[in-house]
Amino acid sequence: MAMLTVRQIDQADKEWLQHEAARQNLSMEELVRRLIHEKRQQSMQRALPSEIVRRYFGPQDGVELGERKKFGFEAPDFRDQSTQ
């Protein structure tokens, strides 16, 4: 196992770590190991573009655009004209 020493931690951060470890009945070292592991797992899970779009523009955040016909234009036809 690798060993890591962290110096110059803000006193408030150290106190939070102590209280959080005690609350979860863990040592401070074990809590830090779990926090690092959790953060690494989260960073390795890349969101798909569709998930990102759904997160920001999903049904709860989106808008209703209505039918295209109501906007006064026809959808372009990109089919090859020589085959028609």
Protein backbone atom coordinates (compact mmCIF):
# COMPACT_ATOMS: atom_id res chain seq x y z
CA MET A 1 0.00 0.00 0.00
CA ALA A 2 1.11 3.54 -0.70
CA MET A 3 1.54 6.07 2.07
CA LEU A 4 0.59 9.73 1.89
CA THR A 5 1.31 12.58 4.30
CA VAL A 6 -0.67 15.79 4.00
CA ARG A 7 0.72 18.89 5.67
CA GLN A 8 -0.71 22.33 6.35
CA ILE A 9 -4.37 21.30 6.47
CA ASP A 10 -6.72 24.07 7.50
CA GLN A 11 -7.70 23.66 11.15
CA ALA A 12 -11.42 23.80 10.30
CA ASP A 13 -10.95 21.01 7.73
CA LYS A 14 -9.11 18.86 10.27
CA GLU A 15 -11.85 19.41 12.86
CA TRP A 16 -14.53 18.53 10.31
CA LEU A 17 -12.61 15.37 9.42
CA GLN A 18 -12.33 14.40 13.10
CA HIS A 19 -16.04 14.98 13.75
CA GLU A 20 -17.13 13.22 10.55
CA ALA A 21 -14.90 10.22 11.28
CA ALA A 22 -16.26 10.00 14.83
CA ARG A 23 -19.83 10.33 13.57
CA GLN A 24 -19.29 7.40 11.19
CA ASN A 25 -17.35 5.45 13.83
CA LEU A 26 -14.24 5.40 11.61
CA SER A 27 -10.65 6.43 12.02
CA MET A 28 -9.64 9.62 10.25
CA GLU A 29 -7.37 7.55 7.99
CA GLU A 30 -10.21 5.24 6.98
CA LEU A 31 -12.51 8.17 6.28
CA VAL A 32 -9.87 9.80 4.06
CA ARG A 33 -9.35 6.49 2.20
CA ARG A 34 -13.08 6.23 1.58
CA LEU A 35 -13.37 9.86 0.47
CA ILE A 36 -10.48 9.46 -1.99
CA HIS A 37 -11.93 6.21 -3.33
CA GLU A 38 -15.39 7.74 -3.75
CA LYS A 39 -14.00 10.79 -5.56
CA ARG A 40 -11.88 8.59 -7.86
CA GLN A 41 -14.92 6.46 -8.73
CA GLN A 42 -16.95 9.57 -9.53
CA SER A 43 -14.25 11.04 -11.73
CA MET A 44 -13.94 7.78 -13.70
CA GLN A 45 -17.64 7.72 -14.56
CA ARG A 46 -17.85 9.88 -17.66
CA ALA A 47 -21.33 11.08 -18.46
CA LEU A 48 -22.68 10.46 -21.95
CA PRO A 49 -23.54 13.58 -23.94
CA SER A 50 -27.20 12.56 -23.88
CA GLU A 51 -27.10 12.40 -20.07
CA ILE A 52 -25.59 15.88 -19.88
CA VAL A 53 -28.26 17.29 -22.21
CA ARG A 54 -31.00 15.54 -20.22
CA ARG A 55 -29.57 16.95 -16.97
CA TYR A 56 -29.67 20.55 -18.21
CA PHE A 57 -32.58 20.43 -20.65
CA GLY A 58 -34.74 17.58 -19.33
CA PRO A 59 -38.52 17.68 -19.01
CA GLN A 60 -38.37 19.60 -15.73
CA ASP A 61 -36.09 22.29 -17.22
CA GLY A 62 -37.16 22.35 -20.87
CA VAL A 63 -39.71 24.32 -22.83
CA GLU A 64 -42.45 23.27 -25.18
CA LEU A 65 -41.69 24.38 -28.73
CA GLY A 66 -44.88 23.26 -30.38
CA GLU A 67 -45.31 21.88 -33.88
CA ARG A 68 -42.97 22.98 -36.65
CA LYS A 69 -45.88 23.91 -38.90
CA LYS A 70 -46.81 26.70 -36.51
CA PHE A 71 -43.51 28.48 -37.17
CA GLY A 72 -44.26 29.12 -40.84
CA PHE A 73 -41.56 27.10 -42.55
CA GLU A 74 -41.23 23.69 -44.13
CA ALA A 75 -38.55 21.27 -43.07
CA PRO A 76 -35.79 21.10 -45.71
CA ASP A 77 -35.68 18.03 -47.94
CA PHE A 78 -32.11 16.73 -48.17
CA ARG A 79 -32.87 13.74 -50.36
CA ASP A 80 -30.96 13.45 -53.61
CA GLN A 81 -33.11 15.19 -56.23
CA SER A 82 -31.74 13.00 -59.05
CA THR A 83 -33.44 9.87 -57.61
CA GLN A 84 -36.91 11.39 -57.48
